[in-house]
């Protein structure tokens, strides 16, 4: 993967995590993408459901998320396909419960 392609990934991290800019983030994603998150309901197999997950994430945590890349593996097995594995240290403050209602997001790992 060349430097320009790496810069695209860094641009994604900046738009998504630091700027929390949904419009700029979604412009960087493929219409044929799939994605997953840490929550039980965060499995997306197309752009539409993935974009809704991104929107929800930014709505729930609108403040910038600071991060530090610990390890980065970028692979381009075929033209226009990127596989990115990235270990990040992230600093984030979550308010999971408000006074009137709990968060609807479930977090967990392992079998469901």
Protein backbone atom coordinates (compact mmCIF):
# COMPACT_ATOMS: atom_id res chain seq x y z
CA UNK A 1 0.00 0.00 0.00
CA UNK A 2 1.43 3.35 -0.96
CA UNK A 3 1.60 6.55 1.11
CA UNK A 4 -1.43 8.12 -0.58
CA UNK A 5 -3.55 5.11 0.36
CA UNK A 6 -2.30 5.28 3.95
CA UNK A 7 -3.23 8.94 4.05
CA UNK A 8 -6.80 8.00 3.08
CA UNK A 9 -7.03 5.79 6.15
CA UNK A 10 -5.61 8.53 8.38
CA UNK A 11 -8.15 10.93 6.86
CA UNK A 12 -10.89 8.47 7.79
CA UNK A 13 -9.66 8.33 11.41
CA UNK A 14 -9.52 12.12 11.63
CA UNK A 15 -13.00 12.62 10.18
CA UNK A 16 -14.62 9.81 12.14
CA UNK A 17 -12.88 9.95 15.51
CA UNK A 18 -11.45 13.44 16.01
CA UNK A 19 -13.85 15.59 13.97
CA UNK A 20 -16.92 13.33 14.42
CA UNK A 21 -18.01 14.51 10.97
CA UNK A 22 -20.58 12.07 9.61
CA UNK A 23 -20.75 13.58 6.11
CA UNK A 24 -16.99 13.52 5.53
CA UNK A 25 -16.68 10.05 7.05
CA UNK A 26 -19.40 8.52 4.87
CA UNK A 27 -17.87 10.02 1.72
CA UNK A 28 -14.76 7.91 2.36
CA UNK A 29 -16.64 4.61 2.60
CA UNK A 30 -17.44 2.17 -0.17
CA UNK A 31 -21.04 1.54 -1.18
CA UNK A 32 -20.24 -2.20 -0.98
CA UNK A 33 -18.87 -2.10 2.57
CA UNK A 34 -19.76 -4.11 5.63
CA UNK A 35 -18.83 -3.28 9.21
CA UNK A 36 -19.10 -4.35 12.81
CA UNK A 37 -18.74 -2.76 16.22
CA UNK A 38 -18.46 -3.83 19.85
CA UNK A 39 -22.20 -3.97 20.57
CA UNK A 40 -24.40 -7.01 20.01
CA UNK A 41 -26.50 -5.08 17.47
CA UNK A 42 -23.53 -3.61 15.59
CA UNK A 43 -23.30 -6.04 12.65
CA UNK A 44 -23.82 -4.42 9.27
CA UNK A 45 -23.65 -6.15 5.92
CA UNK A 46 -24.26 -3.22 3.57
CA UNK A 47 -23.62 0.52 3.25
CA UNK A 48 -27.11 1.54 4.37
CA UNK A 49 -27.00 -0.27 7.70
CA UNK A 50 -23.34 0.69 8.20
CA UNK A 51 -24.07 4.38 7.64
CA UNK A 52 -26.90 4.22 10.21
CA UNK A 53 -24.48 2.67 12.71
CA UNK A 54 -21.95 5.47 12.08
CA UNK A 55 -24.70 8.08 12.50
CA UNK A 56 -25.87 6.52 15.77
CA UNK A 57 -22.31 6.30 17.08
CA UNK A 58 -21.60 9.97 16.41
CA UNK A 59 -24.97 11.00 17.84
CA UNK A 60 -24.34 9.02 21.04
CA UNK A 61 -20.73 10.21 21.39
CA UNK A 62 -20.50 13.58 19.62
CA UNK A 63 -17.30 14.80 21.28
CA UNK A 64 -13.92 14.21 19.61
CA UNK A 65 -12.21 10.93 20.43
CA UNK A 66 -8.47 11.16 20.88
CA UNK A 67 -6.49 8.18 19.65
CA UNK A 68 -2.97 6.90 19.22
CA UNK A 69 -2.11 4.26 16.62
CA UNK A 70 -0.16 1.44 18.25
CA UNK A 71 0.03 -0.98 15.33
CA UNK A 72 -1.13 -0.64 11.76
CA UNK A 73 -1.43 -3.31 9.10
CA UNK A 74 -2.68 -2.26 5.67
CA UNK A 75 -3.13 -4.72 2.84
CA UNK A 76 -4.41 -4.24 -0.69
CA UNK A 77 -5.10 -7.73 -2.06
CA UNK A 78 -6.77 -6.42 -5.23
CA UNK A 79 -7.38 -3.02 -6.78
CA UNK A 80 -9.72 -0.81 -4.72
CA UNK A 81 -9.97 -3.33 -1.86
CA UNK A 82 -8.27 -2.48 1.42
CA UNK A 83 -7.92 -4.57 4.54
CA UNK A 84 -7.00 -2.50 7.56
CA UNK A 85 -6.11 -3.90 10.97
CA UNK A 86 -5.35 -1.19 13.45
CA UNK A 87 -4.65 -1.31 17.19
CA UNK A 88 -5.64 2.01 18.74
CA UNK A 89 -5.39 3.48 22.19
CA UNK A 90 -8.48 5.64 22.55
CA UNK A 91 -9.48 8.04 25.25
CA UNK A 92 -13.22 8.42 25.55
CA UNK A 93 -15.69 9.38 28.23
CA UNK A 94 -19.06 7.65 28.04
CA UNK A 95 -22.24 8.54 29.85
CA UNK A 96 -24.11 5.25 29.64
CA UNK A 97 -27.05 6.29 31.78
CA UNK A 98 -28.93 9.53 32.00
CA UNK A 99 -31.22 10.42 34.89
CA UNK A 100 -34.35 9.65 32.92
CA UNK A 101 -33.44 6.58 30.82
CA UNK A 102 -30.61 4.08 30.29
CA UNK A 103 -28.62 3.77 27.08
CA UNK A 104 -30.11 1.37 24.52
CA UNK A 105 -26.68 0.27 23.30
CA UNK A 106 -25.53 -3.14 24.53
CA UNK A 107 -21.84 -3.87 24.84
CA UNK A 108 -20.25 -7.27 25.18
CA UNK A 109 -17.94 -9.82 23.70
CA UNK A 110 -18.18 -13.51 22.95
CA UNK A 111 -21.18 -15.62 22.05
CA UNK A 112 -24.64 -14.09 22.19
